[in-house]
Amino acid sequence: RSDFIVTSSGPVILETNTIPGMTDASL
């Protein structure tokens, strides 16, 4: 799961999670 900020110029990556959370509240 990769996180981004979508700026006026488009998406910019922040980081990649190789084992994303799997809780009830996770993405």
PDB file of all heavy atoms in Angstrom:
ATOM      1  N   ARG A   1       0.861  -1.186   0.000  1.00  0.00           N
ATOM      2  CA  ARG A   1       0.000   0.000   0.000  1.00  0.00           C
ATOM      3  C   ARG A   1       0.886   1.221   0.000  1.00  0.00           C
ATOM      4  O   ARG A   1       1.737   1.379   0.873  1.00  0.00           O
ATOM      5  CB  ARG A   1      -0.907   0.015   1.234  1.00  0.00           C
ATOM      6  CG  ARG A   1      -2.142   0.899   1.077  1.00  0.00           C
ATOM      7  CD  ARG A   1      -2.772   1.238   2.420  1.00  0.00           C
ATOM      8  NE  ARG A   1      -1.987   2.266   3.090  1.00  0.00           N
ATOM      9  CZ  ARG A   1      -1.513   2.151   4.338  1.00  0.00           C
ATOM     10  NH1 ARG A   1      -1.723   1.068   5.035  1.00  0.00           N
ATOM     11  NH2 ARG A   1      -0.816   3.144   4.865  1.00  0.00           N
ATOM     12  N   SER A   2       0.725   2.079  -1.000  1.00  0.00           N
ATOM     13  CA  SER A   2       1.547   3.276  -1.114  1.00  0.00           C
ATOM     14  C   SER A   2       0.736   4.531  -0.815  1.00  0.00           C
ATOM     15  O   SER A   2      -0.424   4.646  -1.220  1.00  0.00           O
ATOM     16  CB  SER A   2       2.156   3.387  -2.518  1.00  0.00           C
ATOM     17  OG  SER A   2       3.120   2.364  -2.735  1.00  0.00           O
ATOM     18  N   ASP A   3       1.372   5.457  -0.099  1.00  0.00           N
ATOM     19  CA  ASP A   3       0.733   6.712   0.289  1.00  0.00           C
ATOM     20  C   ASP A   3       1.241   7.853  -0.587  1.00  0.00           C
ATOM     21  O   ASP A   3       2.436   7.904  -0.919  1.00  0.00           O
ATOM     22  CB  ASP A   3       1.032   7.028   1.755  1.00  0.00           C
ATOM     23  CG  ASP A   3       0.565   5.920   2.693  1.00  0.00           C
ATOM     24  OD1 ASP A   3      -0.384   5.203   2.335  1.00  0.00           O
ATOM     25  OD2 ASP A   3       1.156   5.770   3.778  1.00  0.00           O
ATOM     26  N   PHE A   4       0.354   8.769  -0.913  1.00  0.00           N
ATOM     27  CA  PHE A   4       0.684   9.895  -1.793  1.00  0.00           C
ATOM     28  C   PHE A   4       0.043  11.184  -1.281  1.00  0.00           C
ATOM     29  O   PHE A   4      -0.934  11.147  -0.540  1.00  0.00           O
ATOM     30  CB  PHE A   4       0.137   9.661  -3.212  1.00  0.00           C
ATOM     31  CG  PHE A   4       0.644   8.448  -3.920  1.00  0.00           C
ATOM     32  CD1 PHE A   4       0.040   7.209  -3.723  1.00  0.00           C
ATOM     33  CD2 PHE A   4       1.702   8.535  -4.806  1.00  0.00           C
ATOM     34  CE1 PHE A   4       0.488   6.076  -4.382  1.00  0.00           C
ATOM     35  CE2 PHE A   4       2.160   7.406  -5.477  1.00  0.00           C
ATOM     36  CZ  PHE A   4       1.553   6.174  -5.267  1.00  0.00           C
ATOM     37  N   ILE A   5       0.609  12.303  -1.725  1.00  0.00           N
ATOM     38  CA  ILE A   5      -0.059  13.598  -1.657  1.00  0.00           C
ATOM     39  C   ILE A   5      -0.328  14.018  -3.093  1.00  0.00           C
ATOM     40  O   ILE A   5       0.599  14.059  -3.920  1.00  0.00           O
ATOM     41  CB  ILE A   5       0.806  14.668  -0.966  1.00  0.00           C
ATOM     42  CG1 ILE A   5       1.063  14.301   0.497  1.00  0.00           C
ATOM     43  CG2 ILE A   5       0.122  16.029  -1.060  1.00  0.00           C
ATOM     44  CD1 ILE A   5      -0.146  14.354   1.396  1.00  0.00           C
ATOM     45  N   VAL A   6      -1.581  14.310  -3.399  1.00  0.00           N
ATOM     46  CA  VAL A   6      -1.914  14.777  -4.748  1.00  0.00           C
ATOM     47  C   VAL A   6      -1.791  16.294  -4.744  1.00  0.00           C
ATOM     48  O   VAL A   6      -2.633  17.008  -4.200  1.00  0.00           O
ATOM     49  CB  VAL A   6      -3.336  14.351  -5.157  1.00  0.00           C
ATOM     50  CG1 VAL A   6      -3.627  14.836  -6.581  1.00  0.00           C
ATOM     51  CG2 VAL A   6      -3.489  12.841  -5.079  1.00  0.00           C
ATOM     52  N   THR A   7      -0.721  16.784  -5.326  1.00  0.00           N
ATOM     53  CA  THR A   7      -0.461  18.217  -5.401  1.00  0.00           C
ATOM     54  C   THR A   7      -1.065  18.776  -6.696  1.00  0.00           C
ATOM     55  O   THR A   7      -1.657  18.037  -7.489  1.00  0.00           O
ATOM     56  CB  THR A   7       1.050  18.492  -5.384  1.00  0.00           C
ATOM     57  OG1 THR A   7       1.617  18.036  -6.633  1.00  0.00           O
ATOM     58  CG2 THR A   7       1.730  17.753  -4.231  1.00  0.00           C
ATOM     59  N   SER A   8      -0.873  20.053  -6.910  1.00  0.00           N
ATOM     60  CA  SER A   8      -1.373  20.673  -8.139  1.00  0.00           C
ATOM     61  C   SER A   8      -0.674  20.108  -9.374  1.00  0.00           C
ATOM     62  O   SER A   8      -1.172  20.230 -10.496  1.00  0.00           O
ATOM     63  CB  SER A   8      -1.173  22.189  -8.079  1.00  0.00           C
ATOM     64  OG  SER A   8       0.207  22.504  -7.887  1.00  0.00           O
ATOM     65  N   SER A   9       0.484  19.484  -9.144  1.00  0.00           N
ATOM     66  CA  SER A   9       1.240  18.883 -10.256  1.00  0.00           C
ATOM     67  C   SER A   9       1.004  17.387 -10.391  1.00  0.00           C
ATOM     68  O   SER A   9       1.584  16.739 -11.263  1.00  0.00           O
ATOM     69  CB  SER A   9       2.740  19.140 -10.065  1.00  0.00           C
ATOM     70  OG  SER A   9       3.021  20.530 -10.018  1.00  0.00           O
ATOM     71  N   GLY A  10       0.153  16.834  -9.500  1.00  0.00           N
ATOM     72  CA  GLY A  10      -0.117  15.407  -9.566  1.00  0.00           C
ATOM     73  C   GLY A  10       0.339  14.681  -8.312  1.00  0.00           C
ATOM     74  O   GLY A  10       0.844  15.294  -7.362  1.00  0.00           O
ATOM     75  N   PRO A  11       0.190  13.358  -8.270  1.00  0.00           N
ATOM     76  CA  PRO A  11       0.543  12.574  -7.087  1.00  0.00           C
ATOM     77  C   PRO A  11       2.053  12.512  -6.841  1.00  0.00           C
ATOM     78  O   PRO A  11       2.839  12.348  -7.778  1.00  0.00           O
ATOM     79  CB  PRO A  11       0.005  11.177  -7.401  1.00  0.00           C
ATOM     80  CG  PRO A  11      -0.966  11.364  -8.531  1.00  0.00           C
ATOM     81  CD  PRO A  11      -0.445  12.531  -9.308  1.00  0.00           C
ATOM     82  N   VAL A  12       2.432  12.665  -5.575  1.00  0.00           N
ATOM     83  CA  VAL A  12       3.827  12.535  -5.143  1.00  0.00           C
ATOM     84  C   VAL A  12       3.859  11.454  -4.064  1.00  0.00           C
ATOM     85  O   VAL A  12       3.110  11.527  -3.087  1.00  0.00           O
ATOM     86  CB  VAL A  12       4.377  13.860  -4.570  1.00  0.00           C
ATOM     87  CG1 VAL A  12       5.812  13.678  -4.073  1.00  0.00           C
ATOM     88  CG2 VAL A  12       4.310  14.960  -5.624  1.00  0.00           C
ATOM     89  N   ILE A  13       4.704  10.462  -4.221  1.00  0.00           N
ATOM     90  CA  ILE A  13       4.714   9.341  -3.293  1.00  0.00           C
ATOM     91  C   ILE A  13       5.383   9.706  -1.975  1.00  0.00           C
ATOM     92  O   ILE A  13       6.348  10.493  -1.943  1.00  0.00           O
ATOM     93  CB  ILE A  13       5.403   8.108  -3.924  1.00  0.00           C
ATOM     94  CG1 ILE A  13       5.064   6.837  -3.135  1.00  0.00           C
ATOM     95  CG2 ILE A  13       6.911   8.312  -4.042  1.00  0.00           C
ATOM     96  CD1 ILE A  13       5.379   5.554  -3.864  1.00  0.00           C
ATOM     97  N   LEU A  14       4.873   9.152  -0.885  1.00  0.00           N
ATOM     98  CA  LEU A  14       5.447   9.345   0.444  1.00  0.00           C
ATOM     99  C   LEU A  14       6.177   8.086   0.903  1.00  0.00           C
ATOM    100  O   LEU A  14       7.323   8.146   1.331  1.00  0.00           O
ATOM    101  CB  LEU A  14       4.352   9.713   1.453  1.00  0.00           C
ATOM    102  CG  LEU A  14       3.557  10.988   1.170  1.00  0.00           C
ATOM    103  CD1 LEU A  14       2.472  11.165   2.223  1.00  0.00           C
ATOM    104  CD2 LEU A  14       4.485  12.201   1.130  1.00  0.00           C
ATOM    105  N   GLU A  15       5.495   6.946   0.839  1.00  0.00           N
ATOM    106  CA  GLU A  15       6.103   5.701   1.279  1.00  0.00           C
ATOM    107  C   GLU A  15       5.260   4.518   0.827  1.00  0.00           C
ATOM    108  O   GLU A  15       4.116   4.684   0.396  1.00  0.00           O
ATOM    109  CB  GLU A  15       6.240   5.666   2.798  1.00  0.00           C
ATOM    110  CG  GLU A  15       4.914   5.693   3.540  1.00  0.00           C
ATOM    111  CD  GLU A  15       5.096   5.603   5.050  1.00  0.00           C
ATOM    112  OE1 GLU A  15       5.552   4.557   5.536  1.00  0.00           O
ATOM    113  OE2 GLU A  15       4.769   6.595   5.735  1.00  0.00           O
ATOM    114  N   THR A  16       5.833   3.319   0.944  1.00  0.00           N
ATOM    115  CA  THR A  16       5.136   2.083   0.624  1.00  0.00           C
ATOM    116  C   THR A  16       5.178   1.155   1.826  1.00  0.00           C
ATOM    117  O   THR A  16       6.238   0.939   2.414  1.00  0.00           O
ATOM    118  CB  THR A  16       5.772   1.378  -0.590  1.00  0.00           C
ATOM    119  OG1 THR A  16       5.675   2.228  -1.742  1.00  0.00           O
ATOM    120  CG2 THR A  16       5.068   0.054  -0.888  1.00  0.00           C
ATOM    121  N   ASN A  17       4.023   0.640   2.195  1.00  0.00           N
ATOM    122  CA  ASN A  17       3.924  -0.326   3.283  1.00  0.00           C
ATOM    123  C   ASN A  17       3.875  -1.726   2.685  1.00  0.00           C
ATOM    124  O   ASN A  17       2.965  -2.037   1.912  1.00  0.00           O
ATOM    125  CB  ASN A  17       2.660  -0.089   4.111  1.00  0.00           C
ATOM    126  CG  ASN A  17       2.650   1.283   4.751  1.00  0.00           C
ATOM    127  OD1 ASN A  17       3.181   1.470   5.829  1.00  0.00           O
ATOM    128  ND2 ASN A  17       2.047   2.252   4.070  1.00  0.00           N
ATOM    129  N   THR A  18       4.837  -2.572   3.031  1.00  0.00           N
ATOM    130  CA  THR A  18       4.888  -3.915   2.453  1.00  0.00           C
ATOM    131  C   THR A  18       3.997  -4.909   3.199  1.00  0.00           C
ATOM    132  O   THR A  18       3.672  -5.965   2.662  1.00  0.00           O
ATOM    133  CB  THR A  18       6.332  -4.444   2.433  1.00  0.00           C
ATOM    134  OG1 THR A  18       6.882  -4.391   3.760  1.00  0.00           O
ATOM    135  CG2 THR A  18       7.201  -3.605   1.508  1.00  0.00           C
ATOM    136  N   ILE A  19       3.616  -4.575   4.445  1.00  0.00           N
ATOM    137  CA  ILE A  19       2.631  -5.376   5.177  1.00  0.00           C
ATOM    138  C   ILE A  19       1.614  -4.393   5.757  1.00  0.00           C
ATOM    139  O   ILE A  19       1.714  -3.974   6.912  1.00  0.00           O
ATOM    140  CB  ILE A  19       3.266  -6.219   6.303  1.00  0.00           C
ATOM    141  CG1 ILE A  19       4.404  -7.083   5.750  1.00  0.00           C
ATOM    142  CG2 ILE A  19       2.210  -7.107   6.966  1.00  0.00           C
ATOM    143  CD1 ILE A  19       5.103  -7.919   6.813  1.00  0.00           C
ATOM    144  N   PRO A  20       0.640  -3.986   4.957  1.00  0.00           N
ATOM    145  CA  PRO A  20      -0.348  -3.001   5.431  1.00  0.00           C
ATOM    146  C   PRO A  20      -1.125  -3.518   6.636  1.00  0.00           C
ATOM    147  O   PRO A  20      -1.279  -4.729   6.823  1.00  0.00           O
ATOM    148  CB  PRO A  20      -1.261  -2.827   4.212  1.00  0.00           C
ATOM    149  CG  PRO A  20      -0.486  -3.317   3.049  1.00  0.00           C
ATOM    150  CD  PRO A  20       0.392  -4.395   3.572  1.00  0.00           C
ATOM    151  N   GLY A  21      -1.627  -2.587   7.438  1.00  0.00           N
ATOM    152  CA  GLY A  21      -2.440  -2.952   8.583  1.00  0.00           C
ATOM    153  C   GLY A  21      -3.679  -3.730   8.172  1.00  0.00           C
ATOM    154  O   GLY A  21      -4.245  -3.503   7.098  1.00  0.00           O
ATOM    155  N   MET A  22      -4.106  -4.640   9.027  1.00  0.00           N
ATOM    156  CA  MET A  22      -5.267  -5.481   8.744  1.00  0.00           C
ATOM    157  C   MET A  22      -6.288  -5.422   9.873  1.00  0.00           C
ATOM    158  O   MET A  22      -7.075  -6.348  10.068  1.00  0.00           O
ATOM    159  CB  MET A  22      -4.825  -6.924   8.497  1.00  0.00           C
ATOM    160  CG  MET A  22      -3.867  -7.077   7.339  1.00  0.00           C
ATOM    161  SD  MET A  22      -3.313  -8.770   7.114  1.00  0.00           S
ATOM    162  CE  MET A  22      -2.008  -8.530   5.888  1.00  0.00           C
ATOM    163  N   THR A  23      -6.269  -4.338  10.640  1.00  0.00           N
ATOM    164  CA  THR A  23      -7.250  -4.167  11.717  1.00  0.00           C
ATOM    165  C   THR A  23      -8.581  -3.710  11.117  1.00  0.00           C
ATOM    166  O   THR A  23      -8.663  -3.379   9.931  1.00  0.00           O
ATOM    167  CB  THR A  23      -6.770  -3.124  12.739  1.00  0.00           C
ATOM    168  OG1 THR A  23      -6.873  -1.805  12.159  1.00  0.00           O
ATOM    169  CG2 THR A  23      -5.326  -3.359  13.154  1.00  0.00           C
ATOM    170  N   ASP A  24      -9.612  -3.650  11.955  1.00  0.00           N
ATOM    171  CA  ASP A  24     -10.924  -3.195  11.486  1.00  0.00           C
ATOM    172  C   ASP A  24     -10.873  -1.754  10.981  1.00  0.00           C
ATOM    173  O   ASP A  24     -11.689  -1.359  10.138  1.00  0.00           O
ATOM    174  CB  ASP A  24     -11.955  -3.309  12.613  1.00  0.00           C
ATOM    175  CG  ASP A  24     -12.287  -4.757  12.957  1.00  0.00           C
ATOM    176  OD1 ASP A  24     -12.128  -5.623  12.075  1.00  0.00           O
ATOM    177  OD2 ASP A  24     -12.704  -5.014  14.104  1.00  0.00           O
ATOM    178  N   ALA A  25      -9.923  -0.976  11.515  1.00  0.00           N
ATOM    179  CA  ALA A  25      -9.836   0.441  11.146  1.00  0.00           C
ATOM    180  C   ALA A  25      -8.780   0.699  10.071  1.00  0.00           C
ATOM    181  O   ALA A  25      -8.583   1.843   9.666  1.00  0.00           O
ATOM    182  CB  ALA A  25      -9.516   1.285  12.379  1.00  0.00           C
ATOM    183  N   SER A  26      -8.117  -0.343   9.601  1.00  0.00           N
ATOM    184  CA  SER A  26      -7.015  -0.164   8.647  1.00  0.00           C
ATOM    185  C   SER A  26      -7.520   0.142   7.239  1.00  0.00           C
ATOM    186  O   SER A  26      -8.662  -0.171   6.869  1.00  0.00           O
ATOM    187  CB  SER A  26      -6.140  -1.419   8.608  1.00  0.00           C
ATOM    188  OG  SER A  26      -5.504  -1.634   9.845  1.00  0.00           O
ATOM    189  N   LEU A  27      -6.633   0.719   6.459  1.00  0.00           N
ATOM    190  CA  LEU A  27      -6.986   1.151   5.111  1.00  0.00           C
ATOM    191  C   LEU A  27      -7.134  -0.021   4.133  1.00  0.00           C
ATOM    192  O   LEU A  27      -8.063  -0.048   3.330  1.00  0.00           O
ATOM    193  CB  LEU A  27      -5.921   2.115   4.585  1.00  0.00           C
ATOM    194  CG  LEU A  27      -5.891   3.484   5.264  1.00  0.00           C
ATOM    195  CD1 LEU A  27      -4.512   4.120   5.129  1.00  0.00           C
ATOM    196  CD2 LEU A  27      -6.942   4.394   4.651  1.00  0.00           C
TER     197      LEU A  27
END
